[in-house]
Amino acid sequence: MHIEAVYALPDAQQQVTLALLEGATIADALSLLSNTPTSAEWQIDTRAVGVFGQLKSLDFVLTHGDRLECYRPLTVDPKTARRLRAQSQQAGVNKS
């Protein structure tokens, strides 16, 4: 069976087609990805992988045509980012 593995960078998306045996899991796909030159440097958070936008565990069994999405680790905590945006917007309003 074949699946697509994707990884989004801030300015581009990388995609790799993987050939796996029937019954292969996400863990199997990630193991294969680590040995693929195109994806060997992807910084994958193994607690945050999904199929078609749905978070899945490493023991999830893939099927032909699945889109395995490999999410990058967060660089900023979402709550902190939201607070900083609000402060920035408030500062812009107070200058007027």
C-alpha atoms as a PDB file:
ATOM      1  CA  MET A   1       0.000   0.000   0.000  1.00  0.00           C
ATOM      2  CA  HIS A   2       1.062   3.609  -0.488  1.00  0.00           C
ATOM      3  CA  ILE A   3       0.563   6.605   1.787  1.00  0.00           C
ATOM      4  CA  GLU A   4       1.635  10.235   1.601  1.00  0.00           C
ATOM      5  CA  ALA A   5       3.637  11.702   4.480  1.00  0.00           C
ATOM      6  CA  VAL A   6       3.651  15.493   4.706  1.00  0.00           C
ATOM      7  CA  TYR A   7       5.561  18.010   6.789  1.00  0.00           C
ATOM      8  CA  ALA A   8       4.914  21.740   6.737  1.00  0.00           C
ATOM      9  CA  LEU A   9       7.667  24.282   7.163  1.00  0.00           C
ATOM     10  CA  PRO A  10       6.911  28.002   7.594  1.00  0.00           C
ATOM     11  CA  ASP A  11       7.585  28.668   3.911  1.00  0.00           C
ATOM     12  CA  ALA A  12       7.084  25.298   2.201  1.00  0.00           C
ATOM     13  CA  GLN A  13       5.540  21.857   2.455  1.00  0.00           C
ATOM     14  CA  GLN A  14       7.443  18.643   1.910  1.00  0.00           C
ATOM     15  CA  GLN A  15       5.763  15.442   0.793  1.00  0.00           C
ATOM     16  CA  VAL A  16       7.027  11.875   0.528  1.00  0.00           C
ATOM     17  CA  THR A  17       5.247   8.797  -0.831  1.00  0.00           C
ATOM     18  CA  LEU A  18       5.877   5.695   1.254  1.00  0.00           C
ATOM     19  CA  ALA A  19       5.332   2.060   0.304  1.00  0.00           C
ATOM     20  CA  LEU A  20       4.311   0.074   3.370  1.00  0.00           C
ATOM     21  CA  LEU A  21       3.017  -3.424   4.031  1.00  0.00           C
ATOM     22  CA  GLU A  22      -0.684  -3.877   4.790  1.00  0.00           C
ATOM     23  CA  GLY A  23      -1.261  -3.470   8.516  1.00  0.00           C
ATOM     24  CA  ALA A  24       1.586  -0.976   8.948  1.00  0.00           C
ATOM     25  CA  THR A  25       1.233   1.525  11.776  1.00  0.00           C
ATOM     26  CA  ILE A  26       2.206   5.160  12.099  1.00  0.00           C
ATOM     27  CA  ALA A  27       5.257   3.992  14.077  1.00  0.00           C
ATOM     28  CA  ASP A  28       6.292   1.853  11.079  1.00  0.00           C
ATOM     29  CA  ALA A  29       5.867   4.823   8.733  1.00  0.00           C
ATOM     30  CA  LEU A  30       7.907   7.110  10.993  1.00  0.00           C
ATOM     31  CA  SER A  31      10.679   4.513  11.146  1.00  0.00           C
ATOM     32  CA  LEU A  32      10.765   4.397   7.351  1.00  0.00           C
ATOM     33  CA  LEU A  33      10.673   8.200   7.154  1.00  0.00           C
ATOM     34  CA  SER A  34      13.752   8.506   9.367  1.00  0.00           C
ATOM     35  CA  ASN A  35      15.690   6.508   6.738  1.00  0.00           C
ATOM     36  CA  THR A  36      14.404   8.524   3.760  1.00  0.00           C
ATOM     37  CA  PRO A  37      16.821  11.290   2.643  1.00  0.00           C
ATOM     38  CA  THR A  38      14.048  13.808   1.955  1.00  0.00           C
ATOM     39  CA  SER A  39      12.531  13.475   5.428  1.00  0.00           C
ATOM     40  CA  ALA A  40      15.484  12.461   7.598  1.00  0.00           C
ATOM     41  CA  GLU A  41      15.774  15.988   8.984  1.00  0.00           C
ATOM     42  CA  TRP A  42      12.091  16.547   9.746  1.00  0.00           C
ATOM     43  CA  GLN A  43      11.651  17.490  13.398  1.00  0.00           C
ATOM     44  CA  ILE A  44       8.641  15.338  14.183  1.00  0.00           C
ATOM     45  CA  ASP A  45       6.886  15.410  17.525  1.00  0.00           C
ATOM     46  CA  THR A  46       5.829  11.760  17.757  1.00  0.00           C
ATOM     47  CA  ARG A  47       3.045  12.748  20.165  1.00  0.00           C
ATOM     48  CA  ALA A  48       1.586  14.969  17.446  1.00  0.00           C
ATOM     49  CA  VAL A  49       1.023  13.050  14.230  1.00  0.00           C
ATOM     50  CA  GLY A  50      -2.243  12.703  12.430  1.00  0.00           C
ATOM     51  CA  VAL A  51      -4.116  11.308   9.473  1.00  0.00           C
ATOM     52  CA  PHE A  52      -6.220  13.747   7.459  1.00  0.00           C
ATOM     53  CA  GLY A  53      -6.161  16.346  10.263  1.00  0.00           C
ATOM     54  CA  GLN A  54      -7.048  13.968  13.109  1.00  0.00           C
ATOM     55  CA  LEU A  55      -4.452  13.261  15.821  1.00  0.00           C
ATOM     56  CA  LYS A  56      -3.591   9.573  15.965  1.00  0.00           C
ATOM     57  CA  SER A  57      -1.452   7.374  18.188  1.00  0.00           C
ATOM     58  CA  LEU A  58       1.657   5.600  16.967  1.00  0.00           C
ATOM     59  CA  ASP A  59      -0.170   2.254  16.935  1.00  0.00           C
ATOM     60  CA  PHE A  60      -2.848   3.521  14.505  1.00  0.00           C
ATOM     61  CA  VAL A  61      -3.049   1.187  11.487  1.00  0.00           C
ATOM     62  CA  LEU A  62      -2.714   3.027   8.188  1.00  0.00           C
ATOM     63  CA  THR A  63      -4.637   2.207   5.030  1.00  0.00           C
ATOM     64  CA  HIS A  64      -3.836   2.758   1.360  1.00  0.00           C
ATOM     65  CA  GLY A  65      -4.108   6.424   0.399  1.00  0.00           C
ATOM     66  CA  ASP A  66      -3.831   7.841   3.919  1.00  0.00           C
ATOM     67  CA  ARG A  67      -2.186  11.240   4.384  1.00  0.00           C
ATOM     68  CA  LEU A  68       0.153  11.055   7.371  1.00  0.00           C
ATOM     69  CA  GLU A  69       0.705  14.548   8.735  1.00  0.00           C
ATOM     70  CA  CYS A  70       3.851  15.083  10.775  1.00  0.00           C
ATOM     71  CA  TYR A  71       3.533  18.128  12.992  1.00  0.00           C
ATOM     72  CA  ARG A  72       6.496  20.232  14.071  1.00  0.00           C
ATOM     73  CA  PRO A  73       7.049  20.941  17.764  1.00  0.00           C
ATOM     74  CA  LEU A  74       5.645  24.299  18.877  1.00  0.00           C
ATOM     75  CA  THR A  75       8.234  27.069  19.147  1.00  0.00           C
ATOM     76  CA  VAL A  76       6.007  29.282  21.311  1.00  0.00           C
ATOM     77  CA  ASP A  77       3.302  28.278  23.748  1.00  0.00           C
ATOM     78  CA  PRO A  78      -0.083  29.205  22.176  1.00  0.00           C
ATOM     79  CA  LYS A  79      -1.222  31.047  25.313  1.00  0.00           C
ATOM     80  CA  THR A  80       1.940  33.138  25.341  1.00  0.00           C
ATOM     81  CA  ALA A  81       1.609  33.933  21.626  1.00  0.00           C
ATOM     82  CA  ARG A  82      -2.017  35.002  22.101  1.00  0.00           C
ATOM     83  CA  ARG A  83      -1.093  37.230  25.076  1.00  0.00           C
ATOM     84  CA  LEU A  84       1.748  38.870  23.130  1.00  0.00           C
ATOM     85  CA  ARG A  85      -0.554  39.558  20.148  1.00  0.00           C
ATOM     86  CA  ALA A  86      -3.159  41.121  22.441  1.00  0.00           C
ATOM     87  CA  GLN A  87      -0.527  43.321  24.091  1.00  0.00           C
ATOM     88  CA  SER A  88       0.786  44.412  20.703  1.00  0.00           C
ATOM     89  CA  GLN A  89      -2.697  45.280  19.448  1.00  0.00           C
ATOM     90  CA  GLN A  90      -3.485  47.131  22.664  1.00  0.00           C
ATOM     91  CA  ALA A  91      -0.276  49.156  22.391  1.00  0.00           C
ATOM     92  CA  GLY A  92      -1.254  50.161  18.837  1.00  0.00           C
ATOM     93  CA  VAL A  93      -4.684  51.308  19.999  1.00  0.00           C
ATOM     94  CA  ASN A  94      -3.275  53.313  22.921  1.00  0.00           C
ATOM     95  CA  LYS A  95      -0.959  55.311  20.591  1.00  0.00           C
ATOM     96  CA  SER A  96      -3.932  56.821  18.698  1.00  0.00           C
END
